[in-house]
Amino acid sequence: ETGSEDIDILPNGLAFISSGLKYTGLKSFAPDKPGEIFLMDLNEDNPRAVELRISRGFDLASFNPHGISTYVD
């Protein structure tokens, strides 16, 4: 709903998407909603972004993702 900030696509077609970046002074469509990370499988006929659950103990209220990258070993 509020757009993505960044996307990283793995060689196997999985895409990780960060969303929810907020800057002071810029309009936010969801000012009280924390940032999110989504996963999209680009191999599917109709890919859709699915929100990933963030583990407990993480300060989700202040999560404001700027960028995303992956490391494949």
Protein backbone atom coordinates (compact mmCIF):
# COMPACT_ATOMS: atom_id res chain seq x y z
CA GLU A 1 0.00 0.00 0.00
CA THR A 2 2.80 2.45 0.78
CA GLY A 3 5.31 1.30 -1.82
CA SER A 4 8.67 -0.36 -1.52
CA GLU A 5 11.98 1.23 -0.63
CA ASP A 6 14.29 -1.42 -2.10
CA ILE A 7 14.28 -4.90 -3.62
CA ASP A 8 16.90 -7.65 -3.85
CA ILE A 9 16.33 -10.59 -6.19
CA LEU A 10 18.14 -13.88 -5.58
CA PRO A 11 19.36 -16.09 -8.47
CA ASN A 12 16.52 -18.57 -7.71
CA GLY A 13 13.84 -15.92 -8.35
CA LEU A 14 12.95 -15.05 -4.75
CA ALA A 15 12.67 -11.30 -4.19
CA PHE A 16 13.00 -9.59 -0.80
CA ILE A 17 11.33 -6.18 -0.59
CA SER A 18 11.74 -3.55 2.12
CA SER A 19 8.88 -1.15 2.75
CA GLY A 20 7.93 1.55 5.21
CA LEU A 21 10.81 4.03 5.03
CA LYS A 22 9.90 7.33 6.66
CA TYR A 23 11.75 10.64 6.43
CA THR A 24 11.03 13.65 8.60
CA GLY A 25 9.21 16.28 6.57
CA LEU A 26 8.01 13.92 3.83
CA LYS A 27 4.42 12.71 3.62
CA SER A 28 3.91 9.17 4.85
CA PHE A 29 0.85 7.18 3.79
CA ALA A 30 1.06 5.09 6.97
CA PRO A 31 2.85 7.19 9.61
CA ASP A 32 1.98 4.90 12.53
CA LYS A 33 2.78 1.62 10.76
CA PRO A 34 6.26 0.11 11.23
CA GLY A 35 8.40 -0.99 8.32
CA GLU A 36 8.00 -4.40 6.76
CA ILE A 37 9.90 -6.99 4.72
CA PHE A 38 8.06 -8.88 2.00
CA LEU A 39 8.94 -11.99 -0.01
CA MET A 40 7.85 -12.55 -3.60
CA ASP A 41 8.48 -15.67 -5.68
CA LEU A 42 8.98 -14.40 -9.23
CA ASN A 43 8.75 -17.98 -10.57
CA GLU A 44 5.00 -18.09 -9.88
CA ASP A 45 2.50 -17.32 -12.64
CA ASN A 46 0.93 -14.57 -10.53
CA PRO A 47 3.57 -13.52 -7.99
CA ARG A 48 2.37 -11.65 -4.93
CA ALA A 49 4.23 -10.06 -2.07
CA VAL A 50 3.82 -11.86 1.27
CA GLU A 51 4.77 -10.09 4.50
CA LEU A 52 7.46 -11.94 6.45
CA ARG A 53 6.95 -12.29 10.18
CA ILE A 54 9.72 -10.68 12.20
CA SER A 55 10.89 -12.65 15.23
CA ARG A 56 9.96 -11.73 18.75
CA GLY A 57 12.29 -9.50 20.68
CA PHE A 58 12.90 -7.26 17.66
CA ASP A 59 11.94 -3.59 18.14
CA LEU A 60 9.32 -3.60 15.40
CA ALA A 61 7.82 -0.25 16.46
CA SER A 62 10.97 1.59 15.36
CA PHE A 63 11.69 -0.55 12.28
CA ASN A 64 12.33 1.90 9.44
CA PRO A 65 14.11 -0.09 6.69
CA HIS A 66 16.31 1.74 4.22
CA GLY A 67 17.62 -0.68 1.63
CA ILE A 68 17.99 -4.42 1.67
CA SER A 69 20.65 -6.85 0.54
CA THR A 70 21.19 -10.60 0.73
CA TYR A 71 24.25 -12.80 1.05
CA VAL A 72 24.26 -16.17 -0.70
CA ASP A 73 26.85 -18.68 0.50
